[in-house]
Amino acid sequence: MNVLPYGPRAWLVEVPDDRVAGYAGAVARHADVAEVVPAARTVLVRLRAGAATAEVGAWLANVEPDDVADRPAPAIDIVVTYDGVDLSDVAAACGLGIDEVVARHGAATYRCAFCGFAPGFAYLAGLDPALRLARRATPRTRVPAGSVAIADVYAAVYPSASPGGWHVIGRTDATMWDAERDPPALVVPGATVRFVAAR
């Protein structure tokens, strides 16, 4: 792990992308850790006031990530209508038929690697390699809430209407973010997700 100072009471730790969730879970248990923020390839570790910053930094460099497969996590099914504006373009770019894109997207079990971009926007790792595409060359100024999309190695659902550059392949009525719910996010880091085609 590469541990970098991040202000007077925090460290930014560079972690292999397949170990971010496990590393975040392991460091969160330290008594001096106030907050852990996982991202695609980093974990920001903010310490409590009075923590021995240098000592914790040395410890962070040697933490062994948890085995996330052994950690209980919520399992969520999201019902999708596969009629997205980019579905046929994705099929063409991947050299697949539309039905094959839908089948491959729905066959995977995803794990929420981290949340970001907007409240409730979960980056779901586990996308079939045959569906991996770079983001759109020109982002849209508005992507509707509930849009099911893919980009790079991730799948996601837009929790609210926002600009976005992912490939939209479908839509869902699932509420991804509700400030009155506990927790507000439908999908939290570590949760597993399956996309189920609407009937």
C-alpha atoms as a PDB file:
ATOM      1  CA  MET A   1       0.000   0.000   0.000  1.00  0.00           C
ATOM      2  CA  ASN A   2       1.217   3.502  -0.809  1.00  0.00           C
ATOM      3  CA  VAL A   3       0.258   5.814   2.089  1.00  0.00           C
ATOM      4  CA  LEU A   4       0.189   9.550   1.332  1.00  0.00           C
ATOM      5  CA  PRO A   5      -0.401  12.424   3.799  1.00  0.00           C
ATOM      6  CA  TYR A   6      -3.719  14.190   3.278  1.00  0.00           C
ATOM      7  CA  GLY A   7      -3.853  17.212   5.562  1.00  0.00           C
ATOM      8  CA  PRO A   8      -3.019  17.191   9.265  1.00  0.00           C
ATOM      9  CA  ARG A   9      -5.276  14.262  10.278  1.00  0.00           C
ATOM     10  CA  ALA A  10      -5.797  12.049   7.251  1.00  0.00           C
ATOM     11  CA  TRP A  11      -4.048   9.610   4.939  1.00  0.00           C
ATOM     12  CA  LEU A  12      -4.804   8.704   1.335  1.00  0.00           C
ATOM     13  CA  VAL A  13      -3.934   5.070   0.705  1.00  0.00           C
ATOM     14  CA  GLU A  14      -3.454   3.729  -2.821  1.00  0.00           C
ATOM     15  CA  VAL A  15      -4.861   0.215  -2.957  1.00  0.00           C
ATOM     16  CA  PRO A  16      -5.206  -2.346  -5.789  1.00  0.00           C
ATOM     17  CA  ASP A  17      -8.738  -1.928  -7.154  1.00  0.00           C
ATOM     18  CA  ASP A  18      -9.786  -5.477  -6.277  1.00  0.00           C
ATOM     19  CA  ARG A  19      -8.858  -4.933  -2.614  1.00  0.00           C
ATOM     20  CA  VAL A  20     -10.374  -1.514  -1.900  1.00  0.00           C
ATOM     21  CA  ALA A  21     -13.513  -2.806  -0.170  1.00  0.00           C
ATOM     22  CA  GLY A  22     -11.566  -5.267   1.964  1.00  0.00           C
ATOM     23  CA  TYR A  23      -8.968  -2.681   2.926  1.00  0.00           C
ATOM     24  CA  ALA A  24     -11.616  -0.101   3.842  1.00  0.00           C
ATOM     25  CA  GLY A  25     -13.375  -2.635   6.049  1.00  0.00           C
ATOM     26  CA  ALA A  26     -10.166  -3.600   7.827  1.00  0.00           C
ATOM     27  CA  VAL A  27      -8.973  -0.061   8.626  1.00  0.00           C
ATOM     28  CA  ALA A  28     -12.411   1.144   9.769  1.00  0.00           C
ATOM     29  CA  ARG A  29     -12.080  -0.911  12.964  1.00  0.00           C
ATOM     30  CA  HIS A  30      -9.061   1.059  14.272  1.00  0.00           C
ATOM     31  CA  ALA A  31      -9.971   3.149  17.321  1.00  0.00           C
ATOM     32  CA  ASP A  32      -8.296   6.283  15.907  1.00  0.00           C
ATOM     33  CA  VAL A  33     -10.141   6.158  12.563  1.00  0.00           C
ATOM     34  CA  ALA A  34     -13.075   8.582  12.319  1.00  0.00           C
ATOM     35  CA  GLU A  35     -14.061   8.049   8.677  1.00  0.00           C
ATOM     36  CA  VAL A  36     -13.147   5.826   5.748  1.00  0.00           C
ATOM     37  CA  VAL A  37     -13.961   6.895   2.165  1.00  0.00           C
ATOM     38  CA  PRO A  38     -13.271   4.210  -0.472  1.00  0.00           C
ATOM     39  CA  ALA A  39     -12.906   5.172  -4.142  1.00  0.00           C
ATOM     40  CA  ALA A  40     -11.885   3.262  -7.266  1.00  0.00           C
ATOM     41  CA  ARG A  41      -8.233   2.740  -6.297  1.00  0.00           C
ATOM     42  CA  THR A  42      -7.790   4.716  -3.081  1.00  0.00           C
ATOM     43  CA  VAL A  43      -9.080   4.805   0.476  1.00  0.00           C
ATOM     44  CA  LEU A  44      -9.159   8.111   2.340  1.00  0.00           C
ATOM     45  CA  VAL A  45      -8.680   7.545   6.082  1.00  0.00           C
ATOM     46  CA  ARG A  46      -9.602  10.485   8.324  1.00  0.00           C
ATOM     47  CA  LEU A  47      -8.432  10.277  11.940  1.00  0.00           C
ATOM     48  CA  ARG A  48     -10.036  11.417  15.166  1.00  0.00           C
ATOM     49  CA  ALA A  49      -8.738  14.516  16.950  1.00  0.00           C
ATOM     50  CA  GLY A  50      -5.750  13.619  19.115  1.00  0.00           C
ATOM     51  CA  ALA A  51      -4.850  10.518  17.078  1.00  0.00           C
ATOM     52  CA  ALA A  52      -1.169   9.661  16.671  1.00  0.00           C
ATOM     53  CA  THR A  53      -1.124  10.457  12.962  1.00  0.00           C
ATOM     54  CA  ALA A  54       2.367   9.142  12.156  1.00  0.00           C
ATOM     55  CA  GLU A  55       1.821   5.875  14.023  1.00  0.00           C
ATOM     56  CA  VAL A  56      -1.499   5.238  12.307  1.00  0.00           C
ATOM     57  CA  GLY A  57       0.116   6.022   8.944  1.00  0.00           C
ATOM     58  CA  ALA A  58       2.774   3.371   9.556  1.00  0.00           C
ATOM     59  CA  TRP A  59       0.069   0.894  10.563  1.00  0.00           C
ATOM     60  CA  LEU A  60      -1.969   1.644   7.422  1.00  0.00           C
ATOM     61  CA  ALA A  61       0.927   0.550   5.220  1.00  0.00           C
ATOM     62  CA  ASN A  62       0.754  -2.975   6.642  1.00  0.00           C
ATOM     63  CA  VAL A  63      -2.972  -3.633   6.990  1.00  0.00           C
ATOM     64  CA  GLU A  64      -4.137  -6.920   5.525  1.00  0.00           C
ATOM     65  CA  PRO A  65      -7.476  -6.367   3.687  1.00  0.00           C
ATOM     66  CA  ASP A  66     -10.518  -8.337   4.802  1.00  0.00           C
ATOM     67  CA  ASP A  67     -11.809 -11.084   2.564  1.00  0.00           C
ATOM     68  CA  VAL A  68     -14.973  -9.337   1.366  1.00  0.00           C
ATOM     69  CA  ALA A  69     -16.409 -12.648   0.172  1.00  0.00           C
ATOM     70  CA  ASP A  70     -16.682 -13.728   3.807  1.00  0.00           C
ATOM     71  CA  ARG A  71     -18.334 -10.502   4.988  1.00  0.00           C
ATOM     72  CA  PRO A  72     -22.138 -10.427   5.184  1.00  0.00           C
ATOM     73  CA  ALA A  73     -23.589  -7.841   2.811  1.00  0.00           C
ATOM     74  CA  PRO A  74     -27.055  -6.843   1.644  1.00  0.00           C
ATOM     75  CA  ALA A  75     -28.218  -8.539  -1.573  1.00  0.00           C
ATOM     76  CA  ILE A  76     -30.406  -6.372  -3.794  1.00  0.00           C
ATOM     77  CA  ASP A  77     -32.341  -7.171  -6.957  1.00  0.00           C
ATOM     78  CA  ILE A  78     -33.025  -4.229  -9.273  1.00  0.00           C
ATOM     79  CA  VAL A  79     -35.718  -4.724 -11.919  1.00  0.00           C
ATOM     80  CA  VAL A  80     -34.703  -3.247 -15.284  1.00  0.00           C
ATOM     81  CA  THR A  81     -36.577  -2.443 -18.472  1.00  0.00           C
ATOM     82  CA  TYR A  82     -33.895  -2.805 -21.144  1.00  0.00           C
ATOM     83  CA  ASP A  83     -34.821  -0.052 -23.581  1.00  0.00           C
ATOM     84  CA  GLY A  84     -32.019   2.462 -23.049  1.00  0.00           C
ATOM     85  CA  VAL A  85     -31.084   5.037 -25.653  1.00  0.00           C
ATOM     86  CA  ASP A  86     -27.601   3.519 -26.028  1.00  0.00           C
ATOM     87  CA  LEU A  87     -28.557  -0.162 -26.025  1.00  0.00           C
ATOM     88  CA  SER A  88     -28.234  -0.715 -29.771  1.00  0.00           C
ATOM     89  CA  ASP A  89     -24.981   1.291 -29.926  1.00  0.00           C
ATOM     90  CA  VAL A  90     -23.533  -0.767 -27.056  1.00  0.00           C
ATOM     91  CA  ALA A  91     -24.484  -3.982 -28.857  1.00  0.00           C
ATOM     92  CA  ALA A  92     -22.802  -2.794 -32.051  1.00  0.00           C
ATOM     93  CA  ALA A  93     -19.656  -1.588 -30.258  1.00  0.00           C
ATOM     94  CA  CYS A  94     -19.340  -4.899 -28.407  1.00  0.00           C
ATOM     95  CA  GLY A  95     -20.071  -7.017 -31.467  1.00  0.00           C
ATOM     96  CA  LEU A  96     -23.096  -8.595 -29.781  1.00  0.00           C
ATOM     97  CA  GLY A  97     -26.816  -8.759 -30.375  1.00  0.00           C
ATOM     98  CA  ILE A  98     -29.095  -6.717 -28.147  1.00  0.00           C
ATOM     99  CA  ASP A  99     -30.434  -9.864 -26.466  1.00  0.00           C
ATOM    100  CA  GLU A 100     -26.870 -10.948 -25.679  1.00  0.00           C
ATOM    101  CA  VAL A 101     -26.065  -7.572 -24.096  1.00  0.00           C
ATOM    102  CA  VAL A 102     -29.166  -7.875 -21.911  1.00  0.00           C
ATOM    103  CA  ALA A 103     -28.340 -11.469 -20.994  1.00  0.00           C
ATOM    104  CA  ARG A 104     -24.735 -10.684 -20.082  1.00  0.00           C
ATOM    105  CA  HIS A 105     -25.669  -7.593 -18.065  1.00  0.00           C
ATOM    106  CA  GLY A 106     -28.283  -9.540 -16.130  1.00  0.00           C
ATOM    107  CA  ALA A 107     -26.173 -12.661 -15.581  1.00  0.00           C
ATOM    108  CA  ALA A 108     -23.503 -10.938 -13.474  1.00  0.00           C
ATOM    109  CA  THR A 109     -23.487 -10.532  -9.712  1.00  0.00           C
ATOM    110  CA  TYR A 110     -22.167  -7.061  -8.914  1.00  0.00           C
ATOM    111  CA  ARG A 111     -20.596  -5.725  -5.743  1.00  0.00           C
ATOM    112  CA  CYS A 112     -20.744  -2.061  -4.792  1.00  0.00           C
ATOM    113  CA  ALA A 113     -17.109  -0.982  -4.756  1.00  0.00           C
ATOM    114  CA  PHE A 114     -17.819   2.561  -3.605  1.00  0.00           C
ATOM    115  CA  CYS A 115     -20.325   5.406  -3.879  1.00  0.00           C
ATOM    116  CA  GLY A 116     -19.670   8.827  -5.359  1.00  0.00           C
ATOM    117  CA  PHE A 117     -20.519  11.391  -8.057  1.00  0.00           C
ATOM    118  CA  ALA A 118     -24.006  11.967  -6.581  1.00  0.00           C
ATOM    119  CA  PRO A 119     -25.839  10.767  -3.447  1.00  0.00           C
ATOM    120  CA  GLY A 120     -26.843   7.150  -4.024  1.00  0.00           C
ATOM    121  CA  PHE A 121     -24.662   6.645  -7.119  1.00  0.00           C
ATOM    122  CA  ALA A 122     -23.103   3.226  -6.547  1.00  0.00           C
ATOM    123  CA  TYR A 123     -20.172   2.013  -8.647  1.00  0.00           C
ATOM    124  CA  LEU A 124     -20.955  -1.666  -9.211  1.00  0.00           C
ATOM    125  CA  ALA A 125     -17.970  -3.867 -10.019  1.00  0.00           C
ATOM    126  CA  GLY A 126     -18.462  -7.124 -11.880  1.00  0.00           C
ATOM    127  CA  LEU A 127     -19.464  -6.047 -15.382  1.00  0.00           C
ATOM    128  CA  ASP A 128     -18.959  -8.763 -17.993  1.00  0.00           C
ATOM    129  CA  PRO A 129     -15.675  -8.010 -19.834  1.00  0.00           C
ATOM    130  CA  ALA A 130     -17.504  -8.280 -23.165  1.00  0.00           C
ATOM    131  CA  LEU A 131     -19.545  -5.176 -22.213  1.00  0.00           C
ATOM    132  CA  ARG A 132     -16.696  -2.925 -21.127  1.00  0.00           C
ATOM    133  CA  LEU A 133     -16.606   0.341 -23.051  1.00  0.00           C
ATOM    134  CA  ALA A 134     -15.028   3.712 -22.414  1.00  0.00           C
ATOM    135  CA  ARG A 135     -17.403   6.485 -21.402  1.00  0.00           C
ATOM    136  CA  ARG A 136     -19.257   8.297 -24.170  1.00  0.00           C
ATOM    137  CA  ALA A 137     -17.103  10.761 -26.113  1.00  0.00           C
ATOM    138  CA  THR A 138     -19.695  13.469 -25.467  1.00  0.00           C
ATOM    139  CA  PRO A 139     -21.518  13.357 -22.115  1.00  0.00           C
ATOM    140  CA  ARG A 140     -25.214  14.163 -21.998  1.00  0.00           C
ATOM    141  CA  THR A 141     -26.340  17.291 -20.171  1.00  0.00           C
ATOM    142  CA  ARG A 142     -29.179  15.344 -18.554  1.00  0.00           C
ATOM    143  CA  VAL A 143     -29.581  11.639 -17.848  1.00  0.00           C
ATOM    144  CA  PRO A 144     -32.968  10.744 -16.301  1.00  0.00           C
ATOM    145  CA  ALA A 145     -33.198   9.346 -12.770  1.00  0.00           C
ATOM    146  CA  GLY A 146     -33.382   5.555 -12.800  1.00  0.00           C
ATOM    147  CA  SER A 147     -31.230   5.183 -15.912  1.00  0.00           C
ATOM    148  CA  VAL A 148     -29.270   1.923 -15.837  1.00  0.00           C
ATOM    149  CA  ALA A 149     -25.873   2.457 -17.416  1.00  0.00           C
ATOM    150  CA  ILE A 150     -22.413   0.982 -17.953  1.00  0.00           C
ATOM    151  CA  ALA A 151     -18.932   2.433 -18.420  1.00  0.00           C
ATOM    152  CA  ASP A 152     -15.434   0.996 -18.120  1.00  0.00           C
ATOM    153  CA  VAL A 153     -15.599  -1.880 -15.597  1.00  0.00           C
ATOM    154  CA  TYR A 154     -18.740  -0.651 -13.789  1.00  0.00           C
ATOM    155  CA  ALA A 155     -22.511  -0.714 -13.955  1.00  0.00           C
ATOM    156  CA  ALA A 156     -24.649   1.876 -12.159  1.00  0.00           C
ATOM    157  CA  VAL A 157     -28.078   3.434 -11.762  1.00  0.00           C
ATOM    158  CA  TYR A 158     -28.428   7.212 -11.887  1.00  0.00           C
ATOM    159  CA  PRO A 159     -30.196   8.106  -8.610  1.00  0.00           C
ATOM    160  CA  SER A 160     -31.333  11.512  -9.841  1.00  0.00           C
ATOM    161  CA  ALA A 161     -31.440  13.425 -13.113  1.00  0.00           C
ATOM    162  CA  SER A 162     -27.935  14.725 -13.805  1.00  0.00           C
ATOM    163  CA  PRO A 163     -25.309  15.160 -16.495  1.00  0.00           C
ATOM    164  CA  GLY A 164     -23.570  11.915 -17.361  1.00  0.00           C
ATOM    165  CA  GLY A 165     -21.337  10.167 -19.834  1.00  0.00           C
ATOM    166  CA  TRP A 166     -22.204   6.516 -19.249  1.00  0.00           C
ATOM    167  CA  HIS A 167     -23.956   4.286 -21.807  1.00  0.00           C
ATOM    168  CA  VAL A 168     -27.645   4.031 -20.895  1.00  0.00           C
ATOM    169  CA  ILE A 169     -28.994   0.545 -21.566  1.00  0.00           C
ATOM    170  CA  GLY A 170     -32.188   0.547 -19.497  1.00  0.00           C
ATOM    171  CA  ARG A 171     -34.244   2.061 -16.694  1.00  0.00           C
ATOM    172  CA  THR A 172     -35.583   1.096 -13.297  1.00  0.00           C
ATOM    173  CA  ASP A 173     -38.231   2.390 -10.899  1.00  0.00           C
ATOM    174  CA  ALA A 174     -36.003   1.560  -7.904  1.00  0.00           C
ATOM    175  CA  THR A 175     -35.382   4.555  -5.616  1.00  0.00           C
ATOM    176  CA  MET A 176     -31.630   4.663  -5.245  1.00  0.00           C
ATOM    177  CA  TRP A 177     -31.556   7.552  -2.746  1.00  0.00           C
ATOM    178  CA  ASP A 178     -34.155   8.599  -0.185  1.00  0.00           C
ATOM    179  CA  ALA A 179     -33.063  10.995   2.558  1.00  0.00           C
ATOM    180  CA  GLU A 180     -35.898   9.728   4.771  1.00  0.00           C
ATOM    181  CA  ARG A 181     -34.730   6.098   4.546  1.00  0.00           C
ATOM    182  CA  ASP A 182     -32.145   4.466   6.847  1.00  0.00           C
ATOM    183  CA  PRO A 183     -29.705   4.150   5.211  1.00  0.00           C
ATOM    184  CA  PRO A 184     -30.637   6.683   2.515  1.00  0.00           C
ATOM    185  CA  ALA A 185     -28.766   4.774  -0.216  1.00  0.00           C
ATOM    186  CA  LEU A 186     -30.435   1.634  -1.560  1.00  0.00           C
ATOM    187  CA  VAL A 187     -26.991   0.238  -2.418  1.00  0.00           C
ATOM    188  CA  VAL A 188     -24.139   0.697   0.059  1.00  0.00           C
ATOM    189  CA  PRO A 189     -20.458  -0.271  -0.340  1.00  0.00           C
ATOM    190  CA  GLY A 190     -20.074  -4.035  -0.102  1.00  0.00           C
ATOM    191  CA  ALA A 191     -23.667  -4.786  -1.124  1.00  0.00           C
ATOM    192  CA  THR A 192     -24.283  -7.267  -3.920  1.00  0.00           C
ATOM    193  CA  VAL A 193     -26.625  -6.394  -6.780  1.00  0.00           C
ATOM    194  CA  ARG A 194     -28.370  -8.382  -9.484  1.00  0.00           C
ATOM    195  CA  PHE A 195     -30.184  -6.780 -12.409  1.00  0.00           C
ATOM    196  CA  VAL A 196     -33.416  -8.585 -13.256  1.00  0.00           C
ATOM    197  CA  ALA A 197     -35.152  -8.009 -16.593  1.00  0.00           C
ATOM    198  CA  ALA A 198     -38.700  -6.701 -16.233  1.00  0.00           C
ATOM    199  CA  ARG A 199     -41.401  -9.055 -17.487  1.00  0.00           C
END
